[in-house]
Amino acid sequence: MSTIANRYEFVLLFDVTNGNPNGDPDAGNLPRLDPETNQGLITDVCLKRKIRNYVTLEKEHDAGYAIYMQEKSVLNNQHKKAYEALDIKPESKKLPKEAEKARQVTEWMCNNFFDVRTFGAVMTTEVNSGQVRGPVQVAFASSIDPIIPMEVSITRMAVTNEKDLEKERTMGRKHIIPYGLYRVHGYVSAKLAERTGFSEDDLALLWRSLINMFEHDRSAARGEMSTRKLVVFKHDHPMGNAPAHVLFDSVQVKRVEGKEDTPARHYSDYQVNIASESLPSGVTVEEHL
């Protein structure tokens, strides 16, 4: 499968209702906030995790779509798979001395692990498989408007031990956001895709992941999360035809419903406008959802 021939940027809009999209373990698992603006934040690694999880579900038994960075995986064991497949004996913390063998080890990791050839990886551990710079990068997501986290008390009817049967019900707390619309920017480099083997099929899978990742990530903590819109900018030239920020600025999200200074409660409270008629030459736009 040939690698992608075009550069892309994308804008993803998704929302959360009565949930915690990305808790901060250093703040009692409160939803992440920008302290200056009170806008909600979601980290890039959180979103990449959801993409990985979707790929695992869709491509569970397909060769070439294993996930390198997965829960409880031992990275050195992941690296050993390349050496065993190529019948090469690993040296502690070193790539093979022969340049061709070193290239083969890193190439094997790209060919077999979707997230390595997509996001890249630093694999210079005890069993060294090299370093890969991935063609796909995702920024932090931030909410369109400030958010106000709520703390909700909950109770547990069951007890852990028999000795606690006569005690009062266990009390707990959870943090939620009543509603928040989040925006994230992403980048896909055709030139870096050439180095990792990121293909057109991989790109189509990435778009499906962004659209459907919340559909398979339901939990009591996250409430209702949904992808609302995916806007993809495609460049004619692999190096790009316009700066990314110019394209991102063409996507405007405005509040259109509800009283002024009141919080939004639904995606329909916003309007998304894309200035497609004023896009730079050589760039086309495609809307999903």
C-alpha atoms as a PDB file:
ATOM      1  CA  MET A   1       0.000   0.000   0.000  1.00  0.00           C
ATOM      2  CA  SER A   2       1.465   3.363  -1.045  1.00  0.00           C
ATOM      3  CA  THR A   3       2.010   6.097   1.515  1.00  0.00           C
ATOM      4  CA  ILE A   4      -0.107   9.236   1.488  1.00  0.00           C
ATOM      5  CA  ALA A   5       0.849  11.870  -1.085  1.00  0.00           C
ATOM      6  CA  ASN A   6      -0.812  14.936   0.451  1.00  0.00           C
ATOM      7  CA  ARG A   7      -0.415  17.014   3.567  1.00  0.00           C
ATOM      8  CA  TYR A   8      -3.491  17.369   5.789  1.00  0.00           C
ATOM      9  CA  GLU A   9      -4.673  19.390   8.745  1.00  0.00           C
ATOM     10  CA  PHE A  10      -7.895  18.781  10.625  1.00  0.00           C
ATOM     11  CA  VAL A  11     -10.199  20.398  13.157  1.00  0.00           C
ATOM     12  CA  LEU A  12     -12.193  18.066  15.406  1.00  0.00           C
ATOM     13  CA  LEU A  13     -15.173  19.245  17.453  1.00  0.00           C
ATOM     14  CA  PHE A  14     -16.552  16.986  20.184  1.00  0.00           C
ATOM     15  CA  ASP A  15     -18.641  17.530  23.289  1.00  0.00           C
ATOM     16  CA  VAL A  16     -19.301  16.095  26.735  1.00  0.00           C
ATOM     17  CA  THR A  17     -22.526  16.147  28.728  1.00  0.00           C
ATOM     18  CA  ASN A  18     -22.518  15.399  32.467  1.00  0.00           C
ATOM     19  CA  GLY A  19     -19.115  13.755  32.396  1.00  0.00           C
ATOM     20  CA  ASN A  20     -15.418  14.170  33.029  1.00  0.00           C
ATOM     21  CA  PRO A  21     -13.587  13.951  29.700  1.00  0.00           C
ATOM     22  CA  ASN A  22     -10.045  13.971  31.103  1.00  0.00           C
ATOM     23  CA  GLY A  23      -9.439  14.096  34.854  1.00  0.00           C
ATOM     24  CA  ASP A  24      -6.236  15.506  36.344  1.00  0.00           C
ATOM     25  CA  PRO A  25      -4.718  13.014  38.837  1.00  0.00           C
ATOM     26  CA  ASP A  26      -2.735  15.833  40.456  1.00  0.00           C
ATOM     27  CA  ALA A  27      -5.973  17.706  41.234  1.00  0.00           C
ATOM     28  CA  GLY A  28      -8.172  14.976  42.689  1.00  0.00           C
ATOM     29  CA  ASN A  29      -9.259  13.918  39.174  1.00  0.00           C
ATOM     30  CA  LEU A  30     -10.956  17.256  38.517  1.00  0.00           C
ATOM     31  CA  PRO A  31     -11.561  18.019  34.822  1.00  0.00           C
ATOM     32  CA  ARG A  32      -8.486  19.751  33.445  1.00  0.00           C
ATOM     33  CA  LEU A  33      -8.700  23.531  33.274  1.00  0.00           C
ATOM     34  CA  ASP A  34      -6.697  26.395  31.840  1.00  0.00           C
ATOM     35  CA  PRO A  35      -6.190  28.457  35.021  1.00  0.00           C
ATOM     36  CA  GLU A  36      -6.159  31.760  33.128  1.00  0.00           C
ATOM     37  CA  THR A  37      -9.353  31.310  31.104  1.00  0.00           C
ATOM     38  CA  ASN A  38     -11.194  28.441  32.843  1.00  0.00           C
ATOM     39  CA  GLN A  39     -11.497  26.727  29.494  1.00  0.00           C
ATOM     40  CA  GLY A  40     -11.486  22.945  29.700  1.00  0.00           C
ATOM     41  CA  LEU A  41      -8.399  21.066  28.507  1.00  0.00           C
ATOM     42  CA  ILE A  42      -7.909  17.534  27.228  1.00  0.00           C
ATOM     43  CA  THR A  43      -4.400  16.231  26.632  1.00  0.00           C
ATOM     44  CA  ASP A  44      -3.104  14.919  23.352  1.00  0.00           C
ATOM     45  CA  VAL A  45      -2.199  11.561  24.923  1.00  0.00           C
ATOM     46  CA  CYS A  46      -5.799  11.138  26.124  1.00  0.00           C
ATOM     47  CA  LEU A  47      -7.090  11.527  22.560  1.00  0.00           C
ATOM     48  CA  LYS A  48      -4.401   9.271  21.109  1.00  0.00           C
ATOM     49  CA  ARG A  49      -5.398   6.608  23.629  1.00  0.00           C
ATOM     50  CA  LYS A  50      -8.958   6.683  22.318  1.00  0.00           C
ATOM     51  CA  ILE A  51      -7.699   6.384  18.732  1.00  0.00           C
ATOM     52  CA  ARG A  52      -5.554   3.391  19.709  1.00  0.00           C
ATOM     53  CA  ASN A  53      -8.507   1.761  21.462  1.00  0.00           C
ATOM     54  CA  TYR A  54     -10.717   2.187  18.397  1.00  0.00           C
ATOM     55  CA  VAL A  55      -8.084   0.695  16.096  1.00  0.00           C
ATOM     56  CA  THR A  56      -7.748  -2.271  18.445  1.00  0.00           C
ATOM     57  CA  LEU A  57     -11.486  -2.917  18.206  1.00  0.00           C
ATOM     58  CA  GLU A  58     -11.752  -2.556  14.429  1.00  0.00           C
ATOM     59  CA  LYS A  59      -8.481  -4.240  13.455  1.00  0.00           C
ATOM     60  CA  GLU A  60      -8.075  -6.698  16.309  1.00  0.00           C
ATOM     61  CA  HIS A  61      -7.131  -9.662  14.121  1.00  0.00           C
ATOM     62  CA  ASP A  62      -5.553  -7.826  11.164  1.00  0.00           C
ATOM     63  CA  ALA A  63      -1.815  -8.039  10.572  1.00  0.00           C
ATOM     64  CA  GLY A  64       0.000  -4.713  10.735  1.00  0.00           C
ATOM     65  CA  TYR A  65      -2.453  -3.094  13.145  1.00  0.00           C
ATOM     66  CA  ALA A  66      -1.098  -4.153  16.525  1.00  0.00           C
ATOM     67  CA  ILE A  67      -0.845  -1.423  19.159  1.00  0.00           C
ATOM     68  CA  TYR A  68       2.580  -0.711  20.625  1.00  0.00           C
ATOM     69  CA  MET A  69       1.570   1.506  23.545  1.00  0.00           C
ATOM     70  CA  GLN A  70      -1.140  -0.510  25.257  1.00  0.00           C
ATOM     71  CA  GLU A  71      -2.159  -1.036  28.850  1.00  0.00           C
ATOM     72  CA  LYS A  72       0.293  -3.169  30.869  1.00  0.00           C
ATOM     73  CA  SER A  73       2.489  -3.826  27.844  1.00  0.00           C
ATOM     74  CA  VAL A  74       6.224  -4.324  28.467  1.00  0.00           C
ATOM     75  CA  LEU A  75       7.961  -2.191  25.869  1.00  0.00           C
ATOM     76  CA  ASN A  76      11.167  -4.241  25.806  1.00  0.00           C
ATOM     77  CA  ASN A  77       9.066  -7.300  24.963  1.00  0.00           C
ATOM     78  CA  GLN A  78       7.422  -5.355  22.135  1.00  0.00           C
ATOM     79  CA  HIS A  79      10.889  -4.542  20.781  1.00  0.00           C
ATOM     80  CA  LYS A  80      12.041  -8.154  21.077  1.00  0.00           C
ATOM     81  CA  LYS A  81       9.340  -9.164  18.606  1.00  0.00           C
ATOM     82  CA  ALA A  82      11.200  -7.310  15.850  1.00  0.00           C
ATOM     83  CA  TYR A  83      14.521  -8.984  16.668  1.00  0.00           C
ATOM     84  CA  GLU A  84      12.924 -12.419  16.848  1.00  0.00           C
ATOM     85  CA  ALA A  85      11.097 -11.959  13.550  1.00  0.00           C
ATOM     86  CA  LEU A  86      14.324 -10.861  11.841  1.00  0.00           C
ATOM     87  CA  ASP A  87      16.484 -13.449  13.647  1.00  0.00           C
ATOM     88  CA  ILE A  88      18.806 -10.784  15.062  1.00  0.00           C
ATOM     89  CA  LYS A  89      20.363 -10.950  18.520  1.00  0.00           C
ATOM     90  CA  PRO A  90      19.790  -7.709  20.462  1.00  0.00           C
ATOM     91  CA  GLU A  91      22.618  -5.880  22.222  1.00  0.00           C
ATOM     92  CA  SER A  92      21.908  -4.023  25.439  1.00  0.00           C
ATOM     93  CA  LYS A  93      20.697  -0.478  24.667  1.00  0.00           C
ATOM     94  CA  LYS A  94      22.176  -0.602  21.160  1.00  0.00           C
ATOM     95  CA  LEU A  95      20.820  -0.990  17.659  1.00  0.00           C
ATOM     96  CA  PRO A  96      22.516  -3.580  15.444  1.00  0.00           C
ATOM     97  CA  LYS A  97      25.908  -2.364  14.246  1.00  0.00           C
ATOM     98  CA  GLU A  98      25.038  -3.023  10.615  1.00  0.00           C
ATOM     99  CA  ALA A  99      23.038  -0.053   9.331  1.00  0.00           C
ATOM    100  CA  GLU A 100      20.799  -2.263   7.195  1.00  0.00           C
ATOM    101  CA  LYS A 101      19.844  -4.484  10.134  1.00  0.00           C
ATOM    102  CA  ALA A 102      19.188  -1.440  12.296  1.00  0.00           C
ATOM    103  CA  ARG A 103      16.909  -0.065   9.585  1.00  0.00           C
ATOM    104  CA  GLN A 104      15.084  -3.376   9.319  1.00  0.00           C
ATOM    105  CA  VAL A 105      14.368  -3.472  13.052  1.00  0.00           C
ATOM    106  CA  THR A 106      12.823  -0.010  13.078  1.00  0.00           C
ATOM    107  CA  GLU A 107      10.969  -0.686   9.823  1.00  0.00           C
ATOM    108  CA  TRP A 108       9.501  -3.894  11.289  1.00  0.00           C
ATOM    109  CA  MET A 109       8.118  -1.903  14.227  1.00  0.00           C
ATOM    110  CA  CYS A 110       6.506   0.587  11.812  1.00  0.00           C
ATOM    111  CA  ASN A 111       5.037  -2.135   9.626  1.00  0.00           C
ATOM    112  CA  ASN A 112       3.510  -4.079  12.495  1.00  0.00           C
ATOM    113  CA  PHE A 113       2.388  -1.408  14.966  1.00  0.00           C
ATOM    114  CA  PHE A 114      -0.211   1.109  13.785  1.00  0.00           C
ATOM    115  CA  ASP A 115       0.567   3.672  16.473  1.00  0.00           C
ATOM    116  CA  VAL A 116       4.317   3.569  15.775  1.00  0.00           C
ATOM    117  CA  ARG A 117       3.928   4.416  12.095  1.00  0.00           C
ATOM    118  CA  THR A 118       1.174   6.941  12.923  1.00  0.00           C
ATOM    119  CA  PHE A 119       2.325   8.811  16.033  1.00  0.00           C
ATOM    120  CA  GLY A 120       5.953   7.756  16.173  1.00  0.00           C
ATOM    121  CA  ALA A 121       7.790   6.337  19.190  1.00  0.00           C
ATOM    122  CA  VAL A 122      11.058   6.563  21.107  1.00  0.00           C
ATOM    123  CA  MET A 123      12.103   2.914  21.352  1.00  0.00           C
ATOM    124  CA  THR A 124      15.643   3.396  22.679  1.00  0.00           C
ATOM    125  CA  THR A 125      15.229   1.253  25.792  1.00  0.00           C
ATOM    126  CA  GLU A 126      17.188  -1.794  26.997  1.00  0.00           C
ATOM    127  CA  VAL A 127      16.148  -3.561  23.795  1.00  0.00           C
ATOM    128  CA  ASN A 128      16.734  -0.775  21.285  1.00  0.00           C
ATOM    129  CA  SER A 129      14.443  -0.554  18.262  1.00  0.00           C
ATOM    130  CA  GLY A 130      15.325   2.983  17.240  1.00  0.00           C
ATOM    131  CA  GLN A 131      13.308   6.169  17.138  1.00  0.00           C
ATOM    132  CA  VAL A 132      10.450   7.104  14.821  1.00  0.00           C
ATOM    133  CA  ARG A 133       8.967  10.532  14.180  1.00  0.00           C
ATOM    134  CA  GLY A 134       5.313  10.024  13.349  1.00  0.00           C
ATOM    135  CA  PRO A 135       3.417  11.831  10.583  1.00  0.00           C
ATOM    136  CA  VAL A 136       0.284  12.404  12.709  1.00  0.00           C
ATOM    137  CA  GLN A 137       0.337  14.874  15.579  1.00  0.00           C
ATOM    138  CA  VAL A 138      -2.557  15.987  17.774  1.00  0.00           C
ATOM    139  CA  ALA A 139      -2.612  19.126  19.927  1.00  0.00           C
ATOM    140  CA  PHE A 140      -4.362  19.671  23.265  1.00  0.00           C
ATOM    141  CA  ALA A 141      -8.125  20.107  22.998  1.00  0.00           C
ATOM    142  CA  SER A 142      -9.700  23.142  24.662  1.00  0.00           C
ATOM    143  CA  SER A 143     -13.334  24.018  25.261  1.00  0.00           C
ATOM    144  CA  ILE A 144     -14.927  26.808  23.253  1.00  0.00           C
ATOM    145  CA  ASP A 145     -16.275  28.456  26.415  1.00  0.00           C
ATOM    146  CA  PRO A 146     -15.192  28.376  30.067  1.00  0.00           C
ATOM    147  CA  ILE A 147     -16.459  25.365  31.991  1.00  0.00           C
ATOM    148  CA  ILE A 148     -17.570  25.030  35.608  1.00  0.00           C
ATOM    149  CA  PRO A 149     -16.893  21.565  37.055  1.00  0.00           C
ATOM    150  CA  MET A 150     -19.446  20.176  39.510  1.00  0.00           C
ATOM    151  CA  GLU A 151     -18.793  17.802  42.392  1.00  0.00           C
ATOM    152  CA  VAL A 152     -21.535  15.214  42.805  1.00  0.00           C
ATOM    153  CA  SER A 153     -21.956  12.980  45.844  1.00  0.00           C
ATOM    154  CA  ILE A 154     -22.652   9.299  45.201  1.00  0.00           C
ATOM    155  CA  THR A 155     -23.323   6.292  47.431  1.00  0.00           C
ATOM    156  CA  ARG A 156     -22.442   2.620  47.186  1.00  0.00           C
ATOM    157  CA  MET A 157     -25.061   0.138  48.393  1.00  0.00           C
ATOM    158  CA  ALA A 158     -22.657  -2.812  48.705  1.00  0.00           C
ATOM    159  CA  VAL A 159     -19.747  -3.269  51.134  1.00  0.00           C
ATOM    160  CA  THR A 160     -16.357  -4.864  50.597  1.00  0.00           C
ATOM    161  CA  ASN A 161     -16.137  -7.000  53.761  1.00  0.00           C
ATOM    162  CA  GLU A 162     -18.767  -8.835  55.839  1.00  0.00           C
ATOM    163  CA  LYS A 163     -17.668  -6.966  58.972  1.00  0.00           C
ATOM    164  CA  ASP A 164     -18.911  -3.733  57.361  1.00  0.00           C
ATOM    165  CA  LEU A 165     -22.480  -4.961  56.762  1.00  0.00           C
ATOM    166  CA  GLU A 166     -23.976  -2.917  59.605  1.00  0.00           C
ATOM    167  CA  LYS A 167     -22.165   0.281  58.707  1.00  0.00           C
ATOM    168  CA  GLU A 168     -23.714   3.146  56.790  1.00  0.00           C
ATOM    169  CA  ARG A 169     -23.469   3.162  53.021  1.00  0.00           C
ATOM    170  CA  THR A 170     -20.131   4.261  51.596  1.00  0.00           C
ATOM    171  CA  MET A 171     -20.114   7.810  50.293  1.00  0.00           C
ATOM    172  CA  GLY A 172     -18.085   8.948  47.305  1.00  0.00           C
ATOM    173  CA  ARG A 173     -17.709  11.865  44.932  1.00  0.00           C
ATOM    174  CA  LYS A 174     -17.370  12.332  41.208  1.00  0.00           C
ATOM    175  CA  HIS A 175     -16.587  15.405  39.146  1.00  0.00           C
ATOM    176  CA  ILE A 176     -18.540  16.291  36.026  1.00  0.00           C
ATOM    177  CA  ILE A 177     -18.959  19.057  33.479  1.00  0.00           C
ATOM    178  CA  PRO A 178     -22.643  19.812  32.732  1.00  0.00           C
ATOM    179  CA  TYR A 179     -21.730  20.589  29.106  1.00  0.00           C
ATOM    180  CA  GLY A 180     -18.632  21.472  27.126  1.00  0.00           C
ATOM    181  CA  LEU A 181     -17.817  21.703  23.410  1.00  0.00           C
ATOM    182  CA  TYR A 182     -14.144  21.018  22.730  1.00  0.00           C
ATOM    183  CA  ARG A 183     -11.976  21.812  19.725  1.00  0.00           C
ATOM    184  CA  VAL A 184      -8.691  20.141  18.777  1.00  0.00           C
ATOM    185  CA  HIS A 185      -6.296  20.626  15.872  1.00  0.00           C
ATOM    186  CA  GLY A 186      -4.303  17.882  14.177  1.00  0.00           C
ATOM    187  CA  TYR A 187      -1.623  17.533  11.511  1.00  0.00           C
ATOM    188  CA  VAL A 188      -0.687  14.844   8.972  1.00  0.00           C
ATOM    189  CA  SER A 189       2.676  15.103   7.188  1.00  0.00           C
ATOM    190  CA  ALA A 190       3.098  13.355   3.830  1.00  0.00           C
ATOM    191  CA  LYS A 191       6.890  13.568   4.035  1.00  0.00           C
ATOM    192  CA  LEU A 192       7.061  11.897   7.442  1.00  0.00           C
ATOM    193  CA  ALA A 193       4.534   9.306   6.227  1.00  0.00           C
ATOM    194  CA  GLU A 194       7.091   8.240   3.607  1.00  0.00           C
ATOM    195  CA  ARG A 195       9.507   7.314   6.405  1.00  0.00           C
ATOM    196  CA  THR A 196       7.063   5.254   8.467  1.00  0.00           C
ATOM    197  CA  GLY A 197       4.864   3.722   5.748  1.00  0.00           C
ATOM    198  CA  PHE A 198       1.683   5.510   6.859  1.00  0.00           C
ATOM    199  CA  SER A 199      -0.711   4.689   4.016  1.00  0.00           C
ATOM    200  CA  GLU A 200      -3.992   5.866   2.512  1.00  0.00           C
ATOM    201  CA  ASP A 201      -5.709   2.989   4.314  1.00  0.00           C
ATOM    202  CA  ASP A 202      -4.151   4.163   7.581  1.00  0.00           C
ATOM    203  CA  LEU A 203      -5.420   7.672   6.896  1.00  0.00           C
ATOM    204  CA  ALA A 204      -8.965   6.426   6.276  1.00  0.00           C
ATOM    205  CA  LEU A 205      -8.736   4.470   9.536  1.00  0.00           C
ATOM    206  CA  LEU A 206      -7.591   7.617  11.344  1.00  0.00           C
ATOM    207  CA  TRP A 207     -10.654   9.530  10.121  1.00  0.00           C
ATOM    208  CA  ARG A 208     -12.945   6.675  11.194  1.00  0.00           C
ATOM    209  CA  SER A 209     -11.247   6.625  14.586  1.00  0.00           C
ATOM    210  CA  LEU A 210     -11.799  10.337  15.137  1.00  0.00           C
ATOM    211  CA  ILE A 211     -15.457  10.075  14.152  1.00  0.00           C
ATOM    212  CA  ASN A 212     -16.270   6.929  16.150  1.00  0.00           C
ATOM    213  CA  MET A 213     -13.787   6.809  19.048  1.00  0.00           C
ATOM    214  CA  PHE A 214     -16.307   7.970  21.661  1.00  0.00           C
ATOM    215  CA  GLU A 215     -18.916   5.462  20.493  1.00  0.00           C
ATOM    216  CA  HIS A 216     -16.784   2.672  21.949  1.00  0.00           C
ATOM    217  CA  ASP A 217     -15.440   4.507  24.994  1.00  0.00           C
ATOM    218  CA  ARG A 218     -18.517   4.749  27.181  1.00  0.00           C
ATOM    219  CA  SER A 219     -18.149   4.871  30.954  1.00  0.00           C
ATOM    220  CA  ALA A 220     -19.971   6.282  33.976  1.00  0.00           C
ATOM    221  CA  ALA A 221     -17.139   8.763  34.520  1.00  0.00           C
ATOM    222  CA  ARG A 222     -17.132  10.239  31.003  1.00  0.00           C
ATOM    223  CA  GLY A 223     -20.869  10.778  30.678  1.00  0.00           C
ATOM    224  CA  GLU A 224     -22.033  11.364  27.109  1.00  0.00           C
ATOM    225  CA  MET A 225     -19.235  12.201  24.684  1.00  0.00           C
ATOM    226  CA  SER A 226     -19.744  12.581  20.932  1.00  0.00           C
ATOM    227  CA  THR A 227     -17.772  13.685  17.900  1.00  0.00           C
ATOM    228  CA  ARG A 228     -19.780  16.513  16.351  1.00  0.00           C
ATOM    229  CA  LYS A 229     -17.731  17.561  13.322  1.00  0.00           C
ATOM    230  CA  LEU A 230     -14.482  16.692  11.596  1.00  0.00           C
ATOM    231  CA  VAL A 231     -13.127  19.272   9.149  1.00  0.00           C
ATOM    232  CA  VAL A 232     -10.237  18.031   6.968  1.00  0.00           C
ATOM    233  CA  PHE A 233      -7.989  20.310   4.892  1.00  0.00           C
ATOM    234  CA  LYS A 234      -6.147  18.615   2.041  1.00  0.00           C
ATOM    235  CA  HIS A 235      -3.127  20.180   0.308  1.00  0.00           C
ATOM    236  CA  ASP A 236      -2.302  19.488  -3.322  1.00  0.00           C
ATOM    237  CA  HIS A 237       1.422  19.535  -2.568  1.00  0.00           C
ATOM    238  CA  PRO A 238       3.015  17.086  -0.104  1.00  0.00           C
ATOM    239  CA  MET A 239       4.867  20.007   1.510  1.00  0.00           C
ATOM    240  CA  GLY A 240       1.648  21.977   1.808  1.00  0.00           C
ATOM    241  CA  ASN A 241       0.107  24.965   0.027  1.00  0.00           C
ATOM    242  CA  ALA A 242      -0.655  27.193   3.027  1.00  0.00           C
ATOM    243  CA  PRO A 243       0.263  27.599   6.711  1.00  0.00           C
ATOM    244  CA  ALA A 244      -1.801  25.485   9.078  1.00  0.00           C
ATOM    245  CA  HIS A 245      -2.911  28.420  11.227  1.00  0.00           C
ATOM    246  CA  VAL A 246      -4.515  30.111   8.212  1.00  0.00           C
ATOM    247  CA  LEU A 247      -6.662  27.045   7.632  1.00  0.00           C
ATOM    248  CA  PHE A 248      -7.564  26.676  11.298  1.00  0.00           C
ATOM    249  CA  ASP A 249      -8.633  30.329  11.401  1.00  0.00           C
ATOM    250  CA  SER A 250     -11.131  29.631   8.625  1.00  0.00           C
ATOM    251  CA  VAL A 251     -13.161  27.445  11.005  1.00  0.00           C
ATOM    252  CA  GLN A 252     -15.205  29.661  13.313  1.00  0.00           C
ATOM    253  CA  VAL A 253     -17.388  28.371  16.154  1.00  0.00           C
ATOM    254  CA  LYS A 254     -19.909  30.904  17.463  1.00  0.00           C
ATOM    255  CA  ARG A 255     -22.601  30.840  20.120  1.00  0.00           C
ATOM    256  CA  VAL A 256     -25.999  31.429  18.510  1.00  0.00           C
ATOM    257  CA  GLU A 257     -28.583  30.157  21.029  1.00  0.00           C
ATOM    258  CA  GLY A 258     -29.257  30.935  24.673  1.00  0.00           C
ATOM    259  CA  LYS A 259     -29.088  34.115  26.694  1.00  0.00           C
ATOM    260  CA  GLU A 260     -25.892  36.116  26.923  1.00  0.00           C
ATOM    261  CA  ASP A 261     -23.589  35.137  29.803  1.00  0.00           C
ATOM    262  CA  THR A 262     -25.418  31.831  30.323  1.00  0.00           C
ATOM    263  CA  PRO A 263     -23.683  28.479  29.826  1.00  0.00           C
ATOM    264  CA  ALA A 264     -24.265  26.435  26.680  1.00  0.00           C
ATOM    265  CA  ARG A 265     -26.127  23.179  27.179  1.00  0.00           C
ATOM    266  CA  HIS A 266     -26.140  21.571  23.723  1.00  0.00           C
ATOM    267  CA  TYR A 267     -24.248  21.492  20.443  1.00  0.00           C
ATOM    268  CA  SER A 268     -27.181  23.299  18.807  1.00  0.00           C
ATOM    269  CA  ASP A 269     -26.269  26.343  20.918  1.00  0.00           C
ATOM    270  CA  TYR A 270     -23.310  26.808  18.549  1.00  0.00           C
ATOM    271  CA  GLN A 271     -22.880  27.451  14.846  1.00  0.00           C
ATOM    272  CA  VAL A 272     -19.853  26.261  12.899  1.00  0.00           C
ATOM    273  CA  ASN A 273     -18.818  28.319   9.876  1.00  0.00           C
ATOM    274  CA  ILE A 274     -16.105  27.325   7.413  1.00  0.00           C
ATOM    275  CA  ALA A 275     -14.842  30.040   5.067  1.00  0.00           C
ATOM    276  CA  SER A 276     -14.302  27.558   2.226  1.00  0.00           C
ATOM    277  CA  GLU A 277     -14.646  30.227  -0.476  1.00  0.00           C
ATOM    278  CA  SER A 278     -11.560  32.071   0.795  1.00  0.00           C
ATOM    279  CA  LEU A 279      -9.235  29.091   1.210  1.00  0.00           C
ATOM    280  CA  PRO A 280      -5.729  29.468  -0.245  1.00  0.00           C
ATOM    281  CA  SER A 281      -5.079  28.042  -3.691  1.00  0.00           C
ATOM    282  CA  GLY A 282      -4.243  24.345  -3.683  1.00  0.00           C
ATOM    283  CA  VAL A 283      -6.218  23.538  -0.526  1.00  0.00           C
ATOM    284  CA  THR A 284      -9.594  21.785  -0.420  1.00  0.00           C
ATOM    285  CA  VAL A 285     -11.838  21.158   2.564  1.00  0.00           C
ATOM    286  CA  GLU A 286     -13.987  18.169   3.445  1.00  0.00           C
ATOM    287  CA  GLU A 287     -16.571  17.989   6.245  1.00  0.00           C
ATOM    288  CA  HIS A 288     -17.475  14.817   8.100  1.00  0.00           C
ATOM    289  CA  LEU A 289     -20.685  14.672  10.151  1.00  0.00           C
END
